[in-house]
C-alpha cells in the first residue's frame, strides 16, 4: 500500500488536527486513510506485484486456518489498534493479518491487535511500515509482524518476546515457519514468483 507522506497534514475538520475512528468513519470522499496517533495518512492503490503477494499469502494462510479458530483477512478492513472502538486514534489497514480472538471481530472493524500482521512495502511506504507502524504494532501487542520487501525479495519477521520484537531476516530462497501458527510454512520462492 502506498502512503502519501504529504497526507499527514490533510485536515478533515479545521477545529482539530487529530482524529478518532468516529471521525474517520464519517469521511465520505472515497479515499483510503490510516490514522496513527490521530494523524491521517492517505493511501494509494497497490501495484500488481503487491497484489500478487497478498493473494498468495492470504491463500496459504486461509488454507492452513480452515477449521481452526483463527481467521485471515486482507485490506481494506479497519483495525482499531488500541481496542478503543470509536475513540481509537490509531486505525490501520494492514495488507494481510490473522486474528485468533473472535471477540475482536466486529461487524465493521477489528477492535484490538491482530496476532499476525503482514505489510508489503514499497519505497514510499518503507519508513511508515518499518518505523511508525512497527512501533504501534509493538505497543499494541501484535505477536508477529512481517515486513515483505518485493524489491529485495526479502521478509523481515518480528516476533514478540518479553515486550520486545526479536527480528529474523529471510531471503528469496528461504522458507518461513509462521511462529503463531504451528506447522504453517511459507515458501519465499513462491511468494516472489512473477
N, C-alpha and C. Protein backbone atom coordinates (compact mmCIF):
# COMPACT_ATOMS: atom_id res chain seq x y z
N UNK A 1 0.83 -1.16 0.00
CA UNK A 1 0.00 0.00 0.00
C UNK A 1 0.88 1.23 0.00
N UNK A 2 0.69 2.12 -0.92
CA UNK A 2 1.44 3.36 -0.98
C UNK A 2 0.90 4.33 0.05
N UNK A 3 1.77 5.01 0.75
CA UNK A 3 1.35 6.02 1.71
C UNK A 3 1.87 7.36 1.24
N UNK A 4 0.97 8.31 1.05
CA UNK A 4 1.33 9.65 0.64
C UNK A 4 1.74 10.43 1.89
N UNK A 5 3.04 10.62 2.08
CA UNK A 5 3.52 11.27 3.29
C UNK A 5 2.99 12.69 3.43
N UNK A 6 2.64 13.35 2.33
CA UNK A 6 2.10 14.71 2.42
C UNK A 6 0.70 14.69 3.00
N UNK A 7 0.04 13.57 3.00
CA UNK A 7 -1.33 13.48 3.52
C UNK A 7 -1.37 13.63 5.03
N UNK A 8 -0.21 13.53 5.69
CA UNK A 8 -0.21 13.66 7.14
C UNK A 8 -0.75 15.00 7.60
N UNK A 9 -0.71 16.02 6.72
CA UNK A 9 -1.23 17.34 7.08
C UNK A 9 -2.66 17.54 6.60
N UNK A 10 -3.23 16.52 5.99
CA UNK A 10 -4.59 16.60 5.50
C UNK A 10 -5.55 16.73 6.67
N UNK A 11 -6.37 17.78 6.68
CA UNK A 11 -7.30 18.02 7.79
C UNK A 11 -8.72 17.93 7.29
N UNK A 12 -9.53 17.13 7.97
CA UNK A 12 -10.94 16.98 7.62
C UNK A 12 -11.81 17.95 8.40
N UNK A 13 -11.26 18.46 9.49
CA UNK A 13 -12.04 19.32 10.38
C UNK A 13 -11.11 20.41 10.88
N UNK A 14 -11.38 21.65 10.53
CA UNK A 14 -10.48 22.73 10.89
C UNK A 14 -10.42 22.99 12.39
N UNK A 15 -11.33 22.42 13.16
CA UNK A 15 -11.33 22.61 14.61
C UNK A 15 -10.30 21.73 15.30
N UNK A 16 -9.78 20.74 14.59
CA UNK A 16 -8.90 19.77 15.23
C UNK A 16 -7.85 19.27 14.25
N UNK A 17 -6.68 18.94 14.76
CA UNK A 17 -5.63 18.35 13.93
C UNK A 17 -5.61 16.83 14.06
N UNK A 18 -6.21 16.30 15.10
CA UNK A 18 -6.16 14.88 15.37
C UNK A 18 -7.55 14.27 15.25
N UNK A 19 -7.59 13.00 14.82
CA UNK A 19 -8.86 12.34 14.55
C UNK A 19 -8.98 11.03 15.31
N UNK A 20 -10.21 10.56 15.40
CA UNK A 20 -10.51 9.26 16.00
C UNK A 20 -11.19 8.40 14.95
N UNK A 21 -11.44 7.15 15.30
CA UNK A 21 -12.16 6.27 14.39
C UNK A 21 -13.53 6.84 14.04
N UNK A 22 -14.21 7.46 15.00
CA UNK A 22 -15.53 8.05 14.73
C UNK A 22 -15.44 9.11 13.63
N UNK A 23 -14.40 9.96 13.67
CA UNK A 23 -14.20 10.97 12.61
C UNK A 23 -13.92 10.26 11.29
N UNK A 24 -12.98 9.36 11.33
CA UNK A 24 -12.52 8.62 10.15
C UNK A 24 -13.68 7.89 9.46
N UNK A 25 -14.54 7.26 10.25
CA UNK A 25 -15.67 6.50 9.70
C UNK A 25 -16.70 7.40 9.04
N UNK A 26 -16.68 8.68 9.36
CA UNK A 26 -17.66 9.61 8.78
C UNK A 26 -17.20 10.23 7.47
N UNK A 27 -15.94 10.05 7.11
CA UNK A 27 -15.41 10.65 5.88
C UNK A 27 -15.99 9.91 4.69
N UNK A 28 -16.45 10.66 3.70
CA UNK A 28 -17.11 10.04 2.54
C UNK A 28 -16.47 10.48 1.22
N UNK A 29 -15.18 10.64 1.21
CA UNK A 29 -14.51 11.12 -0.01
C UNK A 29 -13.91 10.02 -0.87
N UNK A 30 -14.21 8.75 -0.59
CA UNK A 30 -13.74 7.60 -1.37
C UNK A 30 -12.21 7.45 -1.39
N UNK A 31 -11.52 8.10 -0.49
CA UNK A 31 -10.07 7.91 -0.36
C UNK A 31 -9.84 7.00 0.83
N UNK A 32 -8.70 6.32 0.81
CA UNK A 32 -8.36 5.42 1.92
C UNK A 32 -7.31 6.07 2.80
N UNK A 33 -7.53 5.93 4.10
CA UNK A 33 -6.62 6.52 5.08
C UNK A 33 -6.29 5.51 6.16
N UNK A 34 -5.20 5.78 6.85
CA UNK A 34 -4.92 5.16 8.13
C UNK A 34 -4.71 6.31 9.12
N UNK A 35 -5.01 6.06 10.38
CA UNK A 35 -4.73 7.03 11.44
C UNK A 35 -3.64 6.47 12.32
N UNK A 36 -2.63 7.28 12.56
CA UNK A 36 -1.58 6.91 13.51
C UNK A 36 -1.52 8.03 14.53
N UNK A 37 -1.88 7.73 15.76
CA UNK A 37 -1.94 8.73 16.82
C UNK A 37 -2.77 9.94 16.42
N UNK A 38 -3.86 9.70 15.70
CA UNK A 38 -4.79 10.75 15.31
C UNK A 38 -4.45 11.49 14.03
N UNK A 39 -3.30 11.21 13.44
CA UNK A 39 -2.88 11.87 12.19
C UNK A 39 -3.31 10.99 11.02
N UNK A 40 -3.96 11.63 10.03
CA UNK A 40 -4.44 10.88 8.86
C UNK A 40 -3.35 10.76 7.79
N UNK A 41 -3.15 9.53 7.31
CA UNK A 41 -2.22 9.25 6.22
C UNK A 41 -3.02 8.66 5.07
N UNK A 42 -2.95 9.33 3.89
CA UNK A 42 -3.69 8.86 2.73
C UNK A 42 -2.94 7.70 2.08
N UNK A 43 -3.68 6.72 1.61
CA UNK A 43 -3.10 5.53 0.99
C UNK A 43 -3.50 5.49 -0.49
N UNK A 44 -2.58 5.04 -1.33
CA UNK A 44 -2.90 4.89 -2.75
C UNK A 44 -2.98 3.41 -3.12
N UNK A 45 -3.29 3.16 -4.35
CA UNK A 45 -3.50 1.78 -4.82
C UNK A 45 -2.20 0.99 -4.87
N UNK A 46 -2.27 -0.32 -4.60
CA UNK A 46 -1.08 -1.16 -4.66
C UNK A 46 -0.72 -1.53 -6.10
N UNK A 47 0.52 -2.01 -6.27
CA UNK A 47 0.99 -2.46 -7.58
C UNK A 47 0.52 -3.89 -7.86
N UNK A 48 0.77 -4.36 -9.06
CA UNK A 48 0.41 -5.73 -9.43
C UNK A 48 1.20 -6.74 -8.59
N UNK A 49 2.50 -6.51 -8.41
CA UNK A 49 3.32 -7.42 -7.60
C UNK A 49 2.82 -7.44 -6.15
N UNK A 50 2.51 -6.28 -5.64
CA UNK A 50 1.96 -6.14 -4.29
C UNK A 50 0.71 -7.02 -4.14
N UNK A 51 -0.21 -6.92 -5.09
CA UNK A 51 -1.44 -7.70 -5.06
C UNK A 51 -1.16 -9.19 -5.19
N UNK A 52 -0.21 -9.56 -6.04
CA UNK A 52 0.14 -10.98 -6.20
C UNK A 52 0.64 -11.58 -4.89
N UNK A 53 1.46 -10.82 -4.17
CA UNK A 53 1.99 -11.29 -2.89
C UNK A 53 0.86 -11.44 -1.87
N UNK A 54 -0.03 -10.45 -1.83
CA UNK A 54 -1.17 -10.51 -0.91
C UNK A 54 -2.02 -11.75 -1.18
N UNK A 55 -2.32 -11.99 -2.44
CA UNK A 55 -3.17 -13.13 -2.81
C UNK A 55 -2.50 -14.44 -2.41
N UNK A 56 -1.21 -14.57 -2.69
CA UNK A 56 -0.51 -15.81 -2.33
C UNK A 56 -0.54 -16.03 -0.81
N UNK A 57 -0.18 -14.98 -0.05
CA UNK A 57 -0.13 -15.11 1.40
C UNK A 57 -1.50 -15.40 2.00
N UNK A 58 -2.52 -14.71 1.50
CA UNK A 58 -3.87 -14.94 2.01
C UNK A 58 -4.30 -16.38 1.73
N UNK A 59 -4.05 -16.86 0.52
CA UNK A 59 -4.44 -18.23 0.17
C UNK A 59 -3.74 -19.24 1.08
N UNK A 60 -2.44 -19.07 1.30
CA UNK A 60 -1.70 -20.00 2.16
C UNK A 60 -2.23 -19.97 3.59
N UNK A 61 -2.45 -18.77 4.12
CA UNK A 61 -2.93 -18.65 5.50
C UNK A 61 -4.35 -19.17 5.63
N UNK A 62 -5.22 -18.80 4.71
CA UNK A 62 -6.62 -19.23 4.78
C UNK A 62 -6.74 -20.74 4.66
N UNK A 63 -5.96 -21.35 3.76
CA UNK A 63 -5.97 -22.80 3.63
C UNK A 63 -5.51 -23.46 4.94
N UNK A 64 -4.45 -22.94 5.53
CA UNK A 64 -3.94 -23.50 6.77
C UNK A 64 -4.96 -23.36 7.91
N UNK A 65 -5.66 -22.23 7.93
CA UNK A 65 -6.57 -21.93 9.04
C UNK A 65 -7.95 -22.57 8.91
N UNK A 66 -8.21 -23.20 7.78
CA UNK A 66 -9.53 -23.82 7.60
C UNK A 66 -9.80 -24.80 8.75
N UNK A 67 -10.94 -24.61 9.41
CA UNK A 67 -11.33 -25.46 10.52
C UNK A 67 -10.66 -25.13 11.84
N UNK A 68 -9.85 -24.07 11.86
CA UNK A 68 -9.17 -23.64 13.09
C UNK A 68 -9.82 -22.34 13.58
N UNK A 69 -9.56 -21.95 14.82
CA UNK A 69 -10.24 -20.77 15.38
C UNK A 69 -9.77 -19.43 14.83
N UNK A 70 -8.55 -19.33 14.34
CA UNK A 70 -8.05 -18.05 13.81
C UNK A 70 -8.61 -17.80 12.42
N UNK A 71 -8.67 -16.50 12.03
CA UNK A 71 -9.16 -16.12 10.70
C UNK A 71 -8.19 -15.16 10.03
N UNK A 72 -8.01 -15.31 8.71
CA UNK A 72 -7.15 -14.42 7.93
C UNK A 72 -8.00 -13.38 7.22
N UNK A 73 -7.46 -12.16 7.12
CA UNK A 73 -8.14 -11.03 6.47
C UNK A 73 -7.15 -10.27 5.60
N UNK A 74 -7.69 -9.44 4.71
CA UNK A 74 -6.88 -8.53 3.89
C UNK A 74 -7.48 -7.13 3.92
N UNK A 75 -6.64 -6.15 3.56
CA UNK A 75 -7.10 -4.77 3.43
C UNK A 75 -8.01 -4.67 2.21
N UNK A 76 -8.94 -3.75 2.22
CA UNK A 76 -9.20 -2.77 3.26
C UNK A 76 -10.18 -3.27 4.31
N UNK A 77 -9.69 -3.39 5.52
CA UNK A 77 -10.53 -3.67 6.69
C UNK A 77 -9.89 -2.93 7.85
N UNK A 78 -10.67 -2.13 8.54
CA UNK A 78 -10.15 -1.29 9.61
C UNK A 78 -9.84 -2.09 10.87
N UNK A 79 -8.70 -1.74 11.47
CA UNK A 79 -8.32 -2.27 12.77
C UNK A 79 -8.14 -1.10 13.71
N UNK A 80 -8.98 -1.03 14.75
CA UNK A 80 -8.79 -0.06 15.83
C UNK A 80 -7.75 -0.68 16.76
N UNK A 81 -6.52 -0.29 16.56
CA UNK A 81 -5.39 -0.99 17.17
C UNK A 81 -5.40 -0.94 18.69
N UNK A 82 -5.90 0.16 19.26
CA UNK A 82 -5.90 0.28 20.72
C UNK A 82 -7.12 -0.31 21.38
N UNK A 83 -8.01 -0.93 20.60
CA UNK A 83 -9.24 -1.56 21.10
C UNK A 83 -10.15 -0.56 21.80
N UNK A 84 -10.14 0.69 21.30
CA UNK A 84 -10.98 1.74 21.89
C UNK A 84 -12.20 2.05 21.04
N UNK A 85 -12.42 1.29 19.98
CA UNK A 85 -13.59 1.50 19.14
C UNK A 85 -13.64 2.89 18.56
N UNK A 86 -14.77 3.56 18.68
CA UNK A 86 -14.96 4.88 18.08
C UNK A 86 -13.97 5.91 18.60
N UNK A 87 -13.43 5.71 19.79
CA UNK A 87 -12.49 6.67 20.37
C UNK A 87 -11.03 6.39 20.00
N UNK A 88 -10.78 5.31 19.28
CA UNK A 88 -9.41 4.94 18.93
C UNK A 88 -8.82 5.96 17.97
N UNK A 89 -7.57 6.37 18.21
CA UNK A 89 -6.93 7.33 17.31
C UNK A 89 -5.87 6.67 16.42
N UNK A 90 -5.76 5.34 16.49
CA UNK A 90 -4.87 4.60 15.59
C UNK A 90 -5.70 3.52 14.91
N UNK A 91 -5.90 3.73 13.61
CA UNK A 91 -6.70 2.83 12.78
C UNK A 91 -5.84 2.46 11.58
N UNK A 92 -5.56 1.17 11.43
CA UNK A 92 -4.69 0.71 10.35
C UNK A 92 -5.43 -0.28 9.45
N UNK A 93 -4.88 -0.45 8.25
CA UNK A 93 -5.40 -1.43 7.29
C UNK A 93 -4.22 -2.23 6.74
N UNK A 94 -3.69 -3.17 7.53
CA UNK A 94 -2.56 -3.97 7.05
C UNK A 94 -2.94 -4.78 5.81
N UNK A 95 -1.95 -5.13 5.03
CA UNK A 95 -2.20 -5.88 3.80
C UNK A 95 -2.84 -7.23 4.08
N UNK A 96 -2.27 -7.99 5.01
CA UNK A 96 -2.78 -9.31 5.39
C UNK A 96 -2.64 -9.41 6.90
N UNK A 97 -3.62 -10.03 7.56
CA UNK A 97 -3.50 -10.20 9.00
C UNK A 97 -4.35 -11.37 9.48
N UNK A 98 -4.00 -11.87 10.66
CA UNK A 98 -4.68 -13.00 11.27
C UNK A 98 -5.14 -12.60 12.66
N UNK A 99 -6.41 -12.91 12.96
CA UNK A 99 -6.99 -12.65 14.28
C UNK A 99 -7.43 -13.99 14.87
N UNK A 100 -6.96 -14.29 16.08
CA UNK A 100 -7.33 -15.54 16.75
C UNK A 100 -8.38 -15.36 17.83
N UNK A 101 -8.55 -14.14 18.33
CA UNK A 101 -9.54 -13.84 19.35
C UNK A 101 -10.81 -13.33 18.68
N UNK A 102 -11.81 -14.20 18.58
CA UNK A 102 -13.04 -13.85 17.86
C UNK A 102 -13.78 -12.67 18.47
N UNK A 103 -13.54 -12.36 19.74
CA UNK A 103 -14.22 -11.22 20.36
C UNK A 103 -13.73 -9.89 19.78
N UNK A 104 -12.59 -9.90 19.09
CA UNK A 104 -12.08 -8.68 18.46
C UNK A 104 -12.75 -8.41 17.11
N UNK A 105 -13.41 -9.40 16.55
CA UNK A 105 -14.01 -9.27 15.22
C UNK A 105 -15.41 -8.69 15.35
N UNK A 106 -15.58 -7.47 14.89
CA UNK A 106 -16.87 -6.80 14.93
C UNK A 106 -17.42 -6.70 13.51
N UNK A 107 -18.61 -6.20 13.39
CA UNK A 107 -19.27 -6.15 12.08
C UNK A 107 -18.51 -5.31 11.06
N UNK A 108 -18.00 -4.15 11.47
CA UNK A 108 -17.36 -3.23 10.53
C UNK A 108 -15.85 -3.08 10.72
N UNK A 109 -15.31 -3.71 11.77
CA UNK A 109 -13.90 -3.49 12.07
C UNK A 109 -13.38 -4.58 12.99
N UNK A 110 -12.06 -4.58 13.15
CA UNK A 110 -11.39 -5.39 14.15
C UNK A 110 -11.07 -4.44 15.30
N UNK A 111 -11.41 -4.83 16.52
CA UNK A 111 -11.21 -3.95 17.67
C UNK A 111 -10.14 -4.56 18.58
N UNK A 112 -8.89 -4.21 18.31
CA UNK A 112 -7.75 -4.74 19.06
C UNK A 112 -6.70 -5.31 18.13
N UNK A 113 -5.56 -5.62 18.68
CA UNK A 113 -4.41 -6.06 17.89
C UNK A 113 -4.60 -7.46 17.31
N UNK A 114 -4.35 -7.61 16.00
CA UNK A 114 -4.31 -8.96 15.41
C UNK A 114 -3.11 -9.74 15.98
N UNK A 115 -3.10 -11.03 15.74
CA UNK A 115 -1.99 -11.87 16.19
C UNK A 115 -0.82 -11.83 15.21
N UNK A 116 -1.13 -11.72 13.93
CA UNK A 116 -0.12 -11.64 12.87
C UNK A 116 -0.51 -10.52 11.92
N UNK A 117 0.46 -9.67 11.59
CA UNK A 117 0.26 -8.63 10.58
C UNK A 117 1.37 -8.76 9.56
N UNK A 118 0.99 -8.66 8.27
CA UNK A 118 1.96 -8.67 7.17
C UNK A 118 1.75 -7.41 6.35
N UNK A 119 2.83 -6.64 6.17
CA UNK A 119 2.80 -5.44 5.34
C UNK A 119 3.78 -5.63 4.19
N UNK A 120 3.33 -5.29 2.97
CA UNK A 120 4.20 -5.32 1.80
C UNK A 120 4.64 -3.88 1.56
N UNK A 121 5.95 -3.64 1.60
CA UNK A 121 6.46 -2.27 1.49
C UNK A 121 6.81 -1.90 0.06
N UNK A 122 6.83 -0.60 -0.17
CA UNK A 122 7.33 -0.02 -1.40
C UNK A 122 8.28 1.09 -0.98
N UNK A 123 9.02 1.69 -1.90
CA UNK A 123 9.91 2.78 -1.49
C UNK A 123 9.18 3.90 -0.73
N UNK A 124 7.95 4.18 -1.10
CA UNK A 124 7.22 5.28 -0.44
C UNK A 124 6.60 4.88 0.90
N UNK A 125 6.49 3.57 1.19
CA UNK A 125 5.89 3.15 2.47
C UNK A 125 6.90 2.59 3.46
N UNK A 126 8.13 2.43 3.03
CA UNK A 126 9.13 1.74 3.84
C UNK A 126 9.27 2.36 5.23
N UNK A 127 9.46 3.65 5.32
CA UNK A 127 9.63 4.30 6.62
C UNK A 127 8.37 4.14 7.47
N UNK A 128 7.23 4.32 6.85
CA UNK A 128 5.95 4.21 7.56
C UNK A 128 5.79 2.81 8.17
N UNK A 129 6.08 1.77 7.39
CA UNK A 129 5.91 0.39 7.84
C UNK A 129 7.02 -0.07 8.79
N UNK A 130 8.25 0.39 8.53
CA UNK A 130 9.40 -0.09 9.30
C UNK A 130 9.61 0.66 10.62
N UNK A 131 9.04 1.85 10.74
CA UNK A 131 9.25 2.62 11.97
C UNK A 131 7.92 2.94 12.64
N UNK A 132 7.14 3.75 11.98
CA UNK A 132 5.90 4.25 12.59
C UNK A 132 4.95 3.12 12.96
N UNK A 133 4.61 2.27 11.99
CA UNK A 133 3.66 1.19 12.25
C UNK A 133 4.29 0.08 13.10
N UNK A 134 5.55 -0.22 12.90
CA UNK A 134 6.22 -1.23 13.72
C UNK A 134 6.10 -0.86 15.20
N UNK A 135 6.35 0.40 15.54
CA UNK A 135 6.26 0.82 16.94
C UNK A 135 4.83 0.72 17.46
N UNK A 136 3.85 1.07 16.65
CA UNK A 136 2.45 0.96 17.08
C UNK A 136 2.06 -0.50 17.26
N UNK A 137 2.52 -1.39 16.37
CA UNK A 137 2.22 -2.81 16.49
C UNK A 137 2.85 -3.40 17.75
N UNK A 138 4.08 -3.00 18.05
CA UNK A 138 4.75 -3.46 19.26
C UNK A 138 3.97 -3.00 20.50
N UNK A 139 3.61 -1.73 20.54
CA UNK A 139 2.86 -1.19 21.69
C UNK A 139 1.52 -1.90 21.87
N UNK A 140 0.88 -2.26 20.76
CA UNK A 140 -0.44 -2.90 20.82
C UNK A 140 -0.35 -4.39 21.16
N UNK A 141 0.83 -4.97 21.07
CA UNK A 141 0.99 -6.38 21.40
C UNK A 141 0.77 -7.33 20.24
N UNK A 142 0.99 -6.86 19.00
CA UNK A 142 0.91 -7.76 17.83
C UNK A 142 2.01 -8.81 18.00
N UNK A 143 1.62 -10.07 18.03
CA UNK A 143 2.55 -11.16 18.35
C UNK A 143 3.59 -11.42 17.26
N UNK A 144 3.22 -11.17 16.02
CA UNK A 144 4.16 -11.43 14.91
C UNK A 144 3.88 -10.41 13.80
N UNK A 145 4.95 -9.76 13.33
CA UNK A 145 4.83 -8.73 12.30
C UNK A 145 5.85 -8.99 11.21
N UNK A 146 5.35 -9.17 9.99
CA UNK A 146 6.21 -9.41 8.84
C UNK A 146 6.26 -8.16 7.96
N UNK A 147 7.46 -7.82 7.51
CA UNK A 147 7.64 -6.75 6.52
C UNK A 147 8.20 -7.41 5.27
N UNK A 148 7.39 -7.38 4.21
CA UNK A 148 7.75 -8.01 2.94
C UNK A 148 8.28 -6.94 2.00
N UNK A 149 9.49 -7.14 1.48
CA UNK A 149 10.10 -6.19 0.56
C UNK A 149 10.22 -6.84 -0.82
N UNK A 150 9.28 -6.52 -1.74
CA UNK A 150 9.30 -7.15 -3.07
C UNK A 150 10.54 -6.79 -3.88
N UNK A 151 11.08 -5.58 -3.70
CA UNK A 151 12.26 -5.17 -4.47
C UNK A 151 13.49 -5.99 -4.09
N UNK A 152 13.69 -6.22 -2.80
CA UNK A 152 14.83 -7.01 -2.33
C UNK A 152 14.53 -8.50 -2.23
N UNK A 153 13.26 -8.87 -2.48
CA UNK A 153 12.80 -10.25 -2.35
C UNK A 153 13.23 -10.82 -0.99
N UNK A 154 12.81 -10.08 0.05
CA UNK A 154 13.18 -10.46 1.42
C UNK A 154 12.01 -10.19 2.35
N UNK A 155 12.01 -10.90 3.48
CA UNK A 155 10.99 -10.70 4.51
C UNK A 155 11.70 -10.60 5.86
N UNK A 156 11.33 -9.58 6.61
CA UNK A 156 11.82 -9.43 7.97
C UNK A 156 10.68 -9.80 8.91
N UNK A 157 10.94 -10.72 9.82
CA UNK A 157 9.92 -11.20 10.75
C UNK A 157 10.26 -10.69 12.14
N UNK A 158 9.26 -10.08 12.78
CA UNK A 158 9.38 -9.58 14.15
C UNK A 158 8.46 -10.42 15.02
N UNK A 159 9.03 -11.09 16.02
CA UNK A 159 8.26 -11.94 16.92
C UNK A 159 8.33 -11.34 18.32
N UNK A 160 7.16 -11.13 18.91
CA UNK A 160 7.07 -10.51 20.23
C UNK A 160 7.51 -11.50 21.31
N UNK A 161 8.54 -11.10 22.07
CA UNK A 161 9.04 -11.89 23.19
C UNK A 161 9.41 -10.94 24.32
N UNK A 162 8.79 -11.12 25.48
CA UNK A 162 9.10 -10.31 26.66
C UNK A 162 8.99 -8.81 26.39
N UNK A 163 7.96 -8.41 25.67
CA UNK A 163 7.70 -7.00 25.44
C UNK A 163 8.52 -6.33 24.37
N UNK A 164 9.28 -7.10 23.61
CA UNK A 164 10.05 -6.52 22.51
C UNK A 164 10.07 -7.48 21.33
N UNK A 165 10.42 -6.95 20.16
CA UNK A 165 10.46 -7.79 18.97
C UNK A 165 11.85 -8.40 18.78
N UNK A 166 11.85 -9.72 18.55
CA UNK A 166 13.05 -10.43 18.13
C UNK A 166 12.95 -10.54 16.62
N UNK A 167 14.01 -10.13 15.93
CA UNK A 167 13.95 -9.97 14.48
C UNK A 167 14.75 -11.07 13.78
N UNK A 168 14.15 -11.61 12.70
CA UNK A 168 14.82 -12.58 11.82
C UNK A 168 14.64 -12.11 10.40
N UNK A 169 15.68 -12.29 9.58
CA UNK A 169 15.62 -11.89 8.18
C UNK A 169 15.67 -13.12 7.29
N UNK A 170 14.86 -13.10 6.22
CA UNK A 170 14.78 -14.21 5.28
C UNK A 170 14.94 -13.70 3.86
N UNK A 171 15.61 -14.52 3.03
CA UNK A 171 15.83 -14.15 1.62
C UNK A 171 14.96 -15.00 0.71
N UNK A 172 15.00 -14.70 -0.56
CA UNK A 172 14.06 -15.26 -1.54
C UNK A 172 14.10 -16.77 -1.69
N UNK A 173 15.13 -17.45 -1.22
CA UNK A 173 15.19 -18.91 -1.34
C UNK A 173 14.75 -19.63 -0.06
N UNK A 174 14.44 -18.88 0.98
CA UNK A 174 14.11 -19.45 2.28
C UNK A 174 12.65 -19.88 2.39
N UNK A 175 12.37 -20.64 3.43
CA UNK A 175 11.01 -20.98 3.84
C UNK A 175 10.86 -20.48 5.28
N UNK A 176 9.73 -19.82 5.54
CA UNK A 176 9.48 -19.26 6.87
C UNK A 176 8.41 -20.07 7.58
N UNK A 177 8.67 -20.40 8.83
CA UNK A 177 7.64 -21.00 9.68
C UNK A 177 6.92 -19.86 10.39
N UNK A 178 5.60 -19.83 10.27
CA UNK A 178 4.82 -18.80 10.95
C UNK A 178 4.83 -19.13 12.43
N UNK A 179 5.39 -18.25 13.23
CA UNK A 179 5.57 -18.51 14.66
C UNK A 179 4.27 -18.78 15.38
N UNK A 180 3.23 -17.99 15.10
CA UNK A 180 1.98 -18.13 15.86
C UNK A 180 1.09 -19.26 15.35
N UNK A 181 1.47 -19.85 14.20
CA UNK A 181 0.65 -20.91 13.60
C UNK A 181 1.51 -22.16 13.43
N UNK A 182 1.53 -22.99 14.43
CA UNK A 182 2.37 -24.18 14.44
C UNK A 182 2.13 -25.04 13.21
N UNK A 183 3.19 -25.27 12.43
CA UNK A 183 3.09 -26.12 11.26
C UNK A 183 2.81 -25.37 9.96
N UNK A 184 2.55 -24.07 10.04
CA UNK A 184 2.29 -23.28 8.83
C UNK A 184 3.62 -22.74 8.30
N UNK A 185 3.92 -23.07 7.04
CA UNK A 185 5.17 -22.62 6.43
C UNK A 185 4.88 -21.88 5.13
N UNK A 186 5.70 -20.86 4.87
CA UNK A 186 5.56 -20.03 3.67
C UNK A 186 6.86 -20.10 2.89
N UNK A 187 6.78 -20.52 1.62
CA UNK A 187 7.93 -20.64 0.74
C UNK A 187 8.17 -19.31 0.03
N UNK A 188 9.31 -18.69 0.28
CA UNK A 188 9.58 -17.39 -0.33
C UNK A 188 9.74 -17.44 -1.85
N UNK A 189 10.29 -18.52 -2.44
CA UNK A 189 10.30 -18.55 -3.90
C UNK A 189 8.89 -18.43 -4.48
N UNK A 190 7.89 -18.98 -3.79
CA UNK A 190 6.51 -18.87 -4.25
C UNK A 190 5.94 -17.48 -3.99
N UNK A 191 6.32 -16.87 -2.86
CA UNK A 191 5.85 -15.52 -2.55
C UNK A 191 6.28 -14.55 -3.63
N UNK A 192 7.52 -14.66 -4.09
CA UNK A 192 8.08 -13.70 -5.03
C UNK A 192 8.05 -14.16 -6.48
N UNK A 193 7.34 -15.24 -6.76
CA UNK A 193 7.22 -15.73 -8.14
C UNK A 193 6.52 -14.67 -8.99
N UNK A 194 7.02 -14.48 -10.20
CA UNK A 194 6.40 -13.47 -11.07
C UNK A 194 5.61 -14.11 -12.16
